[in-house]
């Protein structure tokens, strides 16, 4: 009798393998990992072939997507927010949450800057190891700020996934890829600081994505990040930015980098809703495996037997993380009820605006209709 109960319990523990949400999270995580791979490959190519090392310039360009119509993440998502909420609704969300998004954008910009800068000073091995620090940072912050209570199996899954990352690093050592450090202490401190800021940025973005529409989160977040990036670029990297236009091939690589980061920043909030910031960081651990595949043709890398095993170990760690039901944050996630509550809070602030030719009741009716359309469209997008 006891055996049947225990067998049934273990069967339930693996029911996540039948859950479409698990595979959505798994596939989405690998798409994001491929985007990170694209940024890593283009950054490496720019440094090796064109001696171009300008982390702020690259980060600025990723916030301002280079398409023929000069579109950008900031323009796209804020324009959509104005379409959904009207100019008054957009100004109200700007007024009520601008400070938070400004801090979030600043954290992300500086996190990107210090991580990219760290590769100029520390060894490849140290940078790869220290970048893993963002995962435990996410777990610690999620524990305190979103009241997530992890089970022991989640910790085991994270350790196994990080162990797979360790196998990738060991393989790189065997291949002699660990270049010497110019200033190890400075580079390691940069990398630790950048990874810590990444953790804060990821958890902060997850927190907002679970409370507000995705178009608001990305639009407001990138609005401030673009401004901060531009100011920092003009102060620190004016010469690199000016010389970039004289090298068409380098411009092409930066465009690829930009497209990858645009996709990454558009899909990351969806990942935060379906999964979490922790799963986001675990999924990105496989980027080194994809980087090797591209590196074979571009940089003459050689594959070792440890790489496919390490990839499987990382995926196994992500699977083990799901054996027990993954912990949900106390704040819940964005659904119809959350959207209605968020809209009500916005409308409460709207009543404080000056009177205009449009009546408050008309605005409320329009916003309620937009609310229904917004929830339906977001649920359809996530289900796909």
Protein backbone atom coordinates (compact mmCIF):
# COMPACT_ATOMS: atom_id res chain seq x y z
CA UNK A 1 0.00 0.00 0.00
CA UNK A 2 2.77 2.39 0.96
CA UNK A 3 4.64 1.55 -2.23
CA UNK A 4 1.61 2.47 -4.32
CA UNK A 5 1.27 5.80 -2.55
CA UNK A 6 4.99 6.54 -2.98
CA UNK A 7 4.91 5.50 -6.63
CA UNK A 8 1.91 7.75 -7.19
CA UNK A 9 3.73 10.62 -5.50
CA UNK A 10 6.76 10.29 -7.76
CA UNK A 11 4.45 10.04 -10.76
CA UNK A 12 2.90 13.34 -9.78
CA UNK A 13 6.31 14.88 -9.38
CA UNK A 14 7.07 14.25 -13.04
CA UNK A 15 3.71 15.43 -14.32
CA UNK A 16 5.42 18.67 -15.34
CA UNK A 17 6.69 16.74 -18.40
CA UNK A 18 3.08 16.73 -19.64
CA UNK A 19 2.59 20.41 -18.94
CA UNK A 20 2.83 22.57 -22.09
CA UNK A 21 3.97 25.48 -19.91
CA UNK A 22 7.19 23.63 -19.03
CA UNK A 23 8.12 23.20 -22.69
CA UNK A 24 7.19 26.80 -23.46
CA UNK A 25 9.55 27.94 -20.73
CA UNK A 26 12.26 25.53 -21.89
CA UNK A 27 12.06 26.56 -25.57
CA UNK A 28 11.72 30.25 -24.78
CA UNK A 29 14.76 30.02 -22.52
CA UNK A 30 16.83 28.51 -25.32
CA UNK A 31 15.69 31.20 -27.76
CA UNK A 32 16.91 33.80 -25.27
CA UNK A 33 20.14 31.83 -24.86
CA UNK A 34 20.67 31.96 -28.64
CA UNK A 35 20.16 35.73 -28.50
CA UNK A 36 22.85 36.01 -25.83
CA UNK A 37 25.07 33.82 -28.01
CA UNK A 38 24.59 36.24 -30.88
CA UNK A 39 25.70 39.16 -28.71
CA UNK A 40 28.72 37.23 -27.41
CA UNK A 41 29.83 36.15 -30.88
CA UNK A 42 29.51 39.64 -32.37
CA UNK A 43 31.31 41.19 -29.38
CA UNK A 44 34.16 38.69 -29.74
CA UNK A 45 34.39 39.29 -33.49
CA UNK A 46 34.41 43.06 -33.02
CA UNK A 47 37.23 42.78 -30.51
CA UNK A 48 39.35 40.26 -32.45
CA UNK A 49 38.93 41.58 -35.99
CA UNK A 50 38.27 45.29 -35.54
CA UNK A 51 39.69 46.10 -32.11
CA UNK A 52 36.33 47.61 -31.20
CA UNK A 53 35.63 47.62 -27.46
CA UNK A 54 32.86 50.05 -26.52
CA UNK A 55 30.36 48.49 -24.12
CA UNK A 56 28.26 51.62 -23.75
CA UNK A 57 28.05 52.13 -27.52
CA UNK A 58 26.86 48.55 -28.07
CA UNK A 59 24.41 48.79 -25.20
CA UNK A 60 23.08 52.12 -26.49
CA UNK A 61 22.53 50.64 -29.94
CA UNK A 62 20.63 47.68 -28.55
CA UNK A 63 18.16 50.09 -26.97
CA UNK A 64 17.87 51.95 -30.28
CA UNK A 65 17.24 49.24 -32.83
CA UNK A 66 18.84 50.07 -36.19
CA UNK A 67 16.21 49.34 -38.87
CA UNK A 68 15.69 51.25 -42.15
CA UNK A 69 12.77 53.16 -40.56
CA UNK A 70 14.97 54.15 -37.59
CA UNK A 71 12.61 52.37 -35.19
CA UNK A 72 13.66 51.49 -31.66
CA UNK A 73 12.43 49.55 -28.71
CA UNK A 74 11.66 52.79 -26.94
CA UNK A 75 9.59 54.21 -29.79
CA UNK A 76 7.83 50.93 -30.60
CA UNK A 77 6.63 50.06 -27.11
CA UNK A 78 5.83 53.58 -25.97
CA UNK A 79 3.87 54.20 -29.16
CA UNK A 80 1.91 51.03 -28.50
CA UNK A 81 1.31 52.12 -24.90
CA UNK A 82 -0.08 55.45 -26.15
CA UNK A 83 -2.28 53.55 -28.61
CA UNK A 84 -3.64 51.30 -25.84
CA UNK A 85 -4.01 53.90 -23.09
CA UNK A 86 -4.05 57.24 -24.83
CA UNK A 87 -1.60 60.04 -24.27
CA UNK A 88 -3.11 60.84 -20.87
CA UNK A 89 -2.85 57.24 -19.73
CA UNK A 90 0.76 57.08 -20.89
CA UNK A 91 1.61 60.31 -19.08
CA UNK A 92 -0.05 58.98 -15.96
CA UNK A 93 1.91 55.71 -15.95
CA UNK A 94 5.01 57.82 -16.59
CA UNK A 95 4.19 60.07 -13.66
CA UNK A 96 3.37 57.27 -11.21
CA UNK A 97 6.22 54.84 -11.97
CA UNK A 98 8.95 56.84 -13.72
CA UNK A 99 11.33 56.80 -10.76
CA UNK A 100 11.22 53.01 -10.48
CA UNK A 101 11.86 52.51 -14.20
CA UNK A 102 14.66 55.08 -14.12
CA UNK A 103 16.42 53.12 -11.35
CA UNK A 104 15.79 49.83 -13.17
CA UNK A 105 17.18 51.23 -16.43
CA UNK A 106 20.27 52.62 -14.69
CA UNK A 107 20.96 49.27 -13.01
CA UNK A 108 20.69 47.41 -16.31
CA UNK A 109 22.90 49.86 -18.19
CA UNK A 110 25.66 49.71 -15.60
CA UNK A 111 25.37 45.93 -15.31
CA UNK A 112 25.94 45.58 -19.06
CA UNK A 113 28.78 48.06 -18.94
CA UNK A 114 30.73 46.39 -16.12
CA UNK A 115 30.31 42.83 -17.47
CA UNK A 116 31.51 43.77 -20.97
CA UNK A 117 34.30 45.88 -19.47
CA UNK A 118 35.39 43.00 -17.21
CA UNK A 119 36.37 40.87 -20.23
CA UNK A 120 39.07 43.44 -21.05
CA UNK A 121 40.84 42.90 -17.72
CA UNK A 122 40.15 39.48 -16.23
CA UNK A 123 40.63 35.99 -17.64
CA UNK A 124 37.89 34.23 -19.58
CA UNK A 125 37.64 31.54 -16.89
CA UNK A 126 37.12 34.06 -14.10
CA UNK A 127 34.55 36.04 -16.07
CA UNK A 128 32.51 32.93 -16.89
CA UNK A 129 32.56 31.74 -13.28
CA UNK A 130 31.70 35.11 -11.78
CA UNK A 131 28.86 35.69 -14.25
CA UNK A 132 27.10 32.70 -12.68
CA UNK A 133 26.75 34.80 -9.54
CA UNK A 134 23.65 36.45 -11.05
CA UNK A 135 21.63 33.24 -10.51
CA UNK A 136 22.02 33.05 -6.71
CA UNK A 137 21.51 36.84 -6.58
CA UNK A 138 18.14 36.33 -8.29
CA UNK A 139 17.21 33.58 -5.83
CA UNK A 140 18.13 35.71 -2.81
CA UNK A 141 16.25 38.77 -4.07
CA UNK A 142 13.21 36.68 -5.07
CA UNK A 143 13.16 35.15 -1.59
CA UNK A 144 13.04 38.52 0.16
CA UNK A 145 11.17 40.78 -2.27
CA UNK A 146 8.69 38.39 -3.93
CA UNK A 147 8.35 36.00 -1.00
CA UNK A 148 9.21 32.92 -3.07
CA UNK A 149 9.89 29.87 -0.90
CA UNK A 150 12.08 27.41 -2.76
CA UNK A 151 12.04 23.68 -2.08
CA UNK A 152 15.24 21.72 -1.72
CA UNK A 153 14.84 20.27 -5.21
CA UNK A 154 14.98 23.77 -6.71
CA UNK A 155 18.36 24.34 -5.05
CA UNK A 156 19.54 20.95 -6.35
CA UNK A 157 18.42 21.84 -9.87
CA UNK A 158 20.30 25.15 -9.75
CA UNK A 159 23.47 23.44 -8.46
CA UNK A 160 23.30 20.80 -11.21
CA UNK A 161 22.82 23.46 -13.90
CA UNK A 162 25.76 25.43 -12.51
CA UNK A 163 27.72 22.17 -12.48
CA UNK A 164 27.04 21.84 -16.20
CA UNK A 165 28.43 25.34 -16.61
CA UNK A 166 31.51 24.19 -14.69
CA UNK A 167 31.96 21.37 -17.21
CA UNK A 168 31.90 23.92 -20.04
CA UNK A 169 34.53 25.99 -18.27
CA UNK A 170 36.71 22.92 -17.69
CA UNK A 171 36.44 22.09 -21.36
CA UNK A 172 37.56 25.61 -22.27
CA UNK A 173 40.60 25.19 -20.01
CA UNK A 174 41.47 21.94 -21.80
CA UNK A 175 41.29 23.79 -25.11
CA UNK A 176 43.52 26.60 -23.84
CA UNK A 177 40.93 29.36 -24.29
CA UNK A 178 41.61 31.02 -20.95
CA UNK A 179 43.55 34.11 -22.04
CA UNK A 180 45.75 35.87 -19.51
CA UNK A 181 44.35 38.58 -17.28
CA UNK A 182 45.63 42.14 -17.66
CA UNK A 183 44.33 43.19 -14.24
CA UNK A 184 42.62 40.23 -12.56
CA UNK A 185 41.46 42.03 -9.41
CA UNK A 186 39.94 44.93 -11.31
CA UNK A 187 38.30 42.63 -13.88
CA UNK A 188 36.91 40.25 -11.25
CA UNK A 189 35.42 43.12 -9.26
CA UNK A 190 33.85 44.52 -12.44
CA UNK A 191 32.38 41.11 -13.24
CA UNK A 192 31.00 40.55 -9.73
CA UNK A 193 29.47 44.02 -9.72
CA UNK A 194 27.96 43.51 -13.18
CA UNK A 195 26.53 40.08 -12.29
CA UNK A 196 25.01 41.51 -9.09
CA UNK A 197 23.42 44.36 -11.04
CA UNK A 198 22.09 41.81 -13.55
CA UNK A 199 20.37 39.98 -10.69
CA UNK A 200 18.76 43.19 -9.42
CA UNK A 201 17.69 44.14 -12.95
CA UNK A 202 16.16 40.72 -13.72
CA UNK A 203 14.20 40.50 -10.47
CA UNK A 204 13.07 44.12 -10.75
CA UNK A 205 11.84 43.56 -14.29
CA UNK A 206 10.07 40.34 -13.25
CA UNK A 207 8.36 42.21 -10.41
CA UNK A 208 7.03 44.86 -12.81
CA UNK A 209 6.09 42.32 -15.52
CA UNK A 210 3.91 40.48 -12.99
CA UNK A 211 2.08 43.68 -12.06
CA UNK A 212 1.86 45.70 -15.28
CA UNK A 213 1.48 45.15 -19.06
CA UNK A 214 4.58 44.07 -20.94
CA UNK A 215 4.41 47.03 -23.32
CA UNK A 216 4.60 49.39 -20.34
CA UNK A 217 7.53 47.55 -18.76
CA UNK A 218 9.66 47.43 -21.91
CA UNK A 219 8.69 50.90 -23.10
CA UNK A 220 9.37 52.71 -19.84
CA UNK A 221 12.43 50.63 -18.99
CA UNK A 222 14.13 51.22 -22.36
CA UNK A 223 13.09 54.90 -22.41
CA UNK A 224 15.26 55.70 -19.42
CA UNK A 225 17.98 53.19 -20.34
CA UNK A 226 18.39 54.86 -23.74
CA UNK A 227 18.84 58.29 -22.19
CA UNK A 228 21.33 57.01 -19.60
CA UNK A 229 23.23 55.10 -22.29
CA UNK A 230 23.47 58.11 -24.58
CA UNK A 231 24.79 60.38 -21.83
CA UNK A 232 27.35 57.76 -20.77
CA UNK A 233 28.34 57.12 -24.38
CA UNK A 234 29.05 60.80 -25.04
CA UNK A 235 31.16 61.01 -21.89
CA UNK A 236 33.15 57.76 -22.11
CA UNK A 237 33.15 56.53 -25.71
CA UNK A 238 32.88 59.46 -28.09
CA UNK A 239 35.91 58.37 -30.12
CA UNK A 240 34.76 54.74 -30.49
CA UNK A 241 31.30 55.85 -31.58
CA UNK A 242 32.73 58.28 -34.15
CA UNK A 243 35.12 55.69 -35.65
CA UNK A 244 32.38 53.06 -35.95
CA UNK A 245 30.81 54.64 -39.04
CA UNK A 246 34.05 54.31 -41.03
CA UNK A 247 33.96 50.48 -40.90
CA UNK A 248 30.93 48.99 -42.72
CA UNK A 249 31.64 45.41 -41.59
CA UNK A 250 31.85 46.48 -37.96
CA UNK A 251 28.57 48.36 -38.39
CA UNK A 252 27.00 45.16 -39.71
CA UNK A 253 28.16 43.22 -36.65
CA UNK A 254 26.78 45.88 -34.33
CA UNK A 255 23.44 45.67 -36.17
CA UNK A 256 23.38 41.89 -35.57
CA UNK A 257 24.18 42.55 -31.91
CA UNK A 258 21.36 45.11 -31.82
CA UNK A 259 18.77 42.76 -33.34
CA UNK A 260 19.70 39.98 -30.90
CA UNK A 261 19.35 42.30 -27.92
CA UNK A 262 16.05 43.67 -29.21
CA UNK A 263 14.59 40.15 -29.34
CA UNK A 264 16.10 39.39 -25.93
CA UNK A 265 14.59 42.45 -24.27
CA UNK A 266 11.21 41.86 -25.92
CA UNK A 267 10.92 38.21 -24.82
CA UNK A 268 12.56 38.41 -21.39
CA UNK A 269 9.44 39.81 -19.64
CA UNK A 270 7.39 36.95 -21.11
CA UNK A 271 9.94 34.53 -19.63
CA UNK A 272 9.66 36.29 -16.28
CA UNK A 273 5.89 35.78 -16.30
CA UNK A 274 5.87 32.16 -17.45
CA UNK A 275 8.92 31.19 -15.40
CA UNK A 276 11.06 33.46 -13.26
CA UNK A 277 14.27 35.47 -13.22
CA UNK A 278 16.04 32.39 -11.85
CA UNK A 279 14.91 30.21 -14.77
CA UNK A 280 15.90 33.00 -17.13
CA UNK A 281 19.46 32.95 -15.79
CA UNK A 282 19.63 29.14 -15.77
CA UNK A 283 18.51 29.03 -19.41
CA UNK A 284 21.27 31.44 -20.43
CA UNK A 285 23.91 28.99 -19.16
CA UNK A 286 23.58 27.01 -22.41
CA UNK A 287 24.76 30.02 -24.44
CA UNK A 288 28.37 28.78 -24.20
CA UNK A 289 27.39 25.56 -25.99
CA UNK A 290 25.75 27.52 -28.81
CA UNK A 291 28.73 29.85 -28.85
CA UNK A 292 31.00 26.90 -29.53
CA UNK A 293 28.90 25.89 -32.54
CA UNK A 294 29.29 29.36 -34.05
CA UNK A 295 32.91 29.55 -32.95
CA UNK A 296 33.87 26.41 -34.88
CA UNK A 297 33.32 28.26 -38.15
CA UNK A 298 34.21 31.81 -37.10
CA UNK A 299 37.12 31.39 -34.69
CA UNK A 300 38.41 27.86 -35.33
CA UNK A 301 37.20 26.42 -32.00
CA UNK A 302 37.35 22.67 -31.45
CA UNK A 303 34.59 20.71 -29.78
CA UNK A 304 35.35 18.38 -26.87
CA UNK A 305 33.29 15.50 -25.56
CA UNK A 306 32.44 17.50 -22.43
CA UNK A 307 30.41 20.12 -24.30
CA UNK A 308 27.37 17.99 -25.30
CA UNK A 309 27.40 16.34 -21.86
CA UNK A 310 27.54 19.75 -20.17
CA UNK A 311 24.62 20.95 -22.29
CA UNK A 312 22.55 17.92 -21.21
CA UNK A 313 23.49 18.49 -17.56
CA UNK A 314 22.27 22.10 -17.71
CA UNK A 315 18.97 21.03 -19.30
CA UNK A 316 18.70 18.28 -16.66
CA UNK A 317 19.16 20.88 -13.92
CA UNK A 318 16.34 22.97 -15.40
CA UNK A 319 14.14 19.86 -15.49
CA UNK A 320 14.93 18.94 -11.88
CA UNK A 321 14.02 22.49 -10.89
CA UNK A 322 10.49 21.58 -12.07
CA UNK A 323 10.11 18.19 -10.31
CA UNK A 324 8.15 19.81 -7.52
CA UNK A 325 5.72 22.56 -8.54
CA UNK A 326 7.84 25.62 -9.19
CA UNK A 327 7.32 28.20 -6.46
CA UNK A 328 5.05 31.09 -7.36
CA UNK A 329 5.73 34.59 -6.02
CA UNK A 330 3.39 35.93 -3.38
CA UNK A 331 2.44 38.81 -5.70
CA UNK A 332 1.07 36.33 -8.27
CA UNK A 333 1.34 36.93 -11.99
CA UNK A 334 -0.29 39.15 -14.60
CA UNK A 335 -3.80 37.92 -15.38
CA UNK A 336 -7.22 39.47 -15.97
CA UNK A 337 -7.72 40.31 -12.31
CA UNK A 338 -4.27 41.88 -12.08
CA UNK A 339 -4.94 43.90 -15.24
CA UNK A 340 -8.25 45.19 -13.90
CA UNK A 341 -6.65 46.12 -10.55
CA UNK A 342 -3.74 47.84 -12.29
CA UNK A 343 -6.17 49.73 -14.52
CA UNK A 344 -8.22 50.81 -11.50
CA UNK A 345 -5.10 52.19 -9.83
CA UNK A 346 -4.26 54.06 -13.01
CA UNK A 347 -7.79 55.46 -13.28
CA UNK A 348 -7.65 56.63 -9.67
CA UNK A 349 -4.63 58.72 -10.56
CA UNK A 350 -6.28 59.88 -13.79
CA UNK A 351 -9.03 61.62 -11.86
CA UNK A 352 -6.41 63.94 -10.42
CA UNK A 353 -5.56 65.32 -13.87
CA UNK A 354 -6.87 68.73 -15.00
CA UNK A 355 -10.26 68.83 -16.70
CA UNK A 356 -10.24 68.68 -20.49
CA UNK A 357 -12.73 68.61 -23.30
CA UNK A 358 -13.06 64.85 -22.87
CA UNK A 359 -15.15 63.84 -19.87
CA UNK A 360 -13.86 61.51 -17.18
CA UNK A 361 -16.65 59.02 -17.80
CA UNK A 362 -15.75 58.82 -21.49
CA UNK A 363 -12.12 58.22 -20.56
CA UNK A 364 -13.08 55.51 -18.09
CA UNK A 365 -15.28 53.77 -20.64
CA UNK A 366 -12.49 53.87 -23.21
CA UNK A 367 -9.96 52.56 -20.70
CA UNK A 368 -12.25 49.70 -19.65
CA UNK A 369 -12.61 48.64 -23.27
CA UNK A 370 -8.83 48.91 -23.75
CA UNK A 371 -8.41 46.80 -20.62
CA UNK A 372 -10.42 43.94 -22.10
CA UNK A 373 -8.52 44.12 -25.40
CA UNK A 374 -5.19 44.31 -23.57
CA UNK A 375 -5.80 41.19 -21.46
CA UNK A 376 -7.04 39.16 -24.41
CA UNK A 377 -4.09 40.12 -26.64
CA UNK A 378 -1.49 39.41 -23.94
CA UNK A 379 -3.00 36.04 -23.04
CA UNK A 380 -3.05 35.04 -26.71
CA UNK A 381 0.59 36.11 -27.12
CA UNK A 382 1.75 34.16 -24.07
CA UNK A 383 -0.23 31.04 -25.03
CA UNK A 384 1.51 30.99 -28.40
